[in-house]
Amino acid sequence: GLSQYSSDPHTEWDLSTYSTREQVLEAVRNLRYKGGNTFTGLALTHVLEQNLKPDAGARLEAEKLVILLTDGKSQDDANLAAQTLKNLGIEIFAIGVKNADEAELRQVASEPLELTVYNVLDFPLLSSLVGKLTRVLCSRIKERSHKETTDTPVNTGPQLSPTDLKISAVTSKSMHLAWSPPLRPPKKYRVVYYPSKGGTPREVVLEGAVSSVQLSNLTSQTEYLVSVIPVYDSALGDGLRGVTSTLPLSSPRSLRVSELSHNSLRLSWKAAQGATHYLVLCSAAPDGAED
């Protein structure tokens, strides 16, 4: 499976889209490069929520590997999203090109770093990594497959997934989220929210007994995407997703002019809710215009 990202991650094809090596190689040849920002944390969250699910072709019994290829420093918190994947037994390989931040690559990647972190000066040099990376990936899959494990799969069905997301009390700066918890309460919830047209994703981590949250310090008149993801000790339930727009900032109303004199006047208006200050601009009207 493959996803590209900038400010908005996009799945190019799922794990189940192609069934032969030739089909995958042809898809790679036809791939168009996606330029733009570098929201790596958002991309890793997208992979977890969208690409590593059974309906996208992820087999529950199969080892889960993510190969991150980036040419820049992340503009959001990549480590937090990466840690969530690693806590669920998903191994991350990080490959940097050109301006990638090696310290960030080492932070995001799984241990041992000498096998999972790579850095090259330019894109053509990626070809030099193919042989070694292929051998490392195959050997890691064999090692992990032979280990006895009692871990719960990444997606364990509706019994571990919340339902009925409700978004209410929306203002210009805040909104309230509430949902029905799954049959088995999770250890924690990750609530991720970000502007739909690109922007830094933010995250709130809640205890599993909580099933509502107030999101504040939002931008007015902006469409937000929100996700509520239940996290268990070694599993991740299906997330809830929603979209809503904050209200525009309120405006002052009913402007009145009174107490006119040769060099002064008084203004009054109905207050704008939430305003802390007002800026009053005054200029002489041009000849012939309404005063």
Foldseek 3Di string as FASTA:
>chain_A
DDWDDALDIDDLAAPPPDDDPVVVVVSVVVDDDDDHHAAQLVNLVCCLQPHCDVVRPHDQLAAAEEEAEEAEEHPEPNLVSLVLCVLQRYFYAYEYEAHYDQVVRQSNGDPPNVLRYYYDHHDVCVVVCVVSNVVSVVVVRVVVSPDDDPFGGQEDDQQQEWDDWDWDPFAQWKIKIFTGGHNDFAQKKWKWKDFPVGDHIDIDIGGRVDGMDMGGRHHGFTKMKIWIWGHHSNYTYNIDIDIDHHHHFFDWADWDWADDDPPDIDIDTHDGPPDPDDDDDDDDDPPPDDD
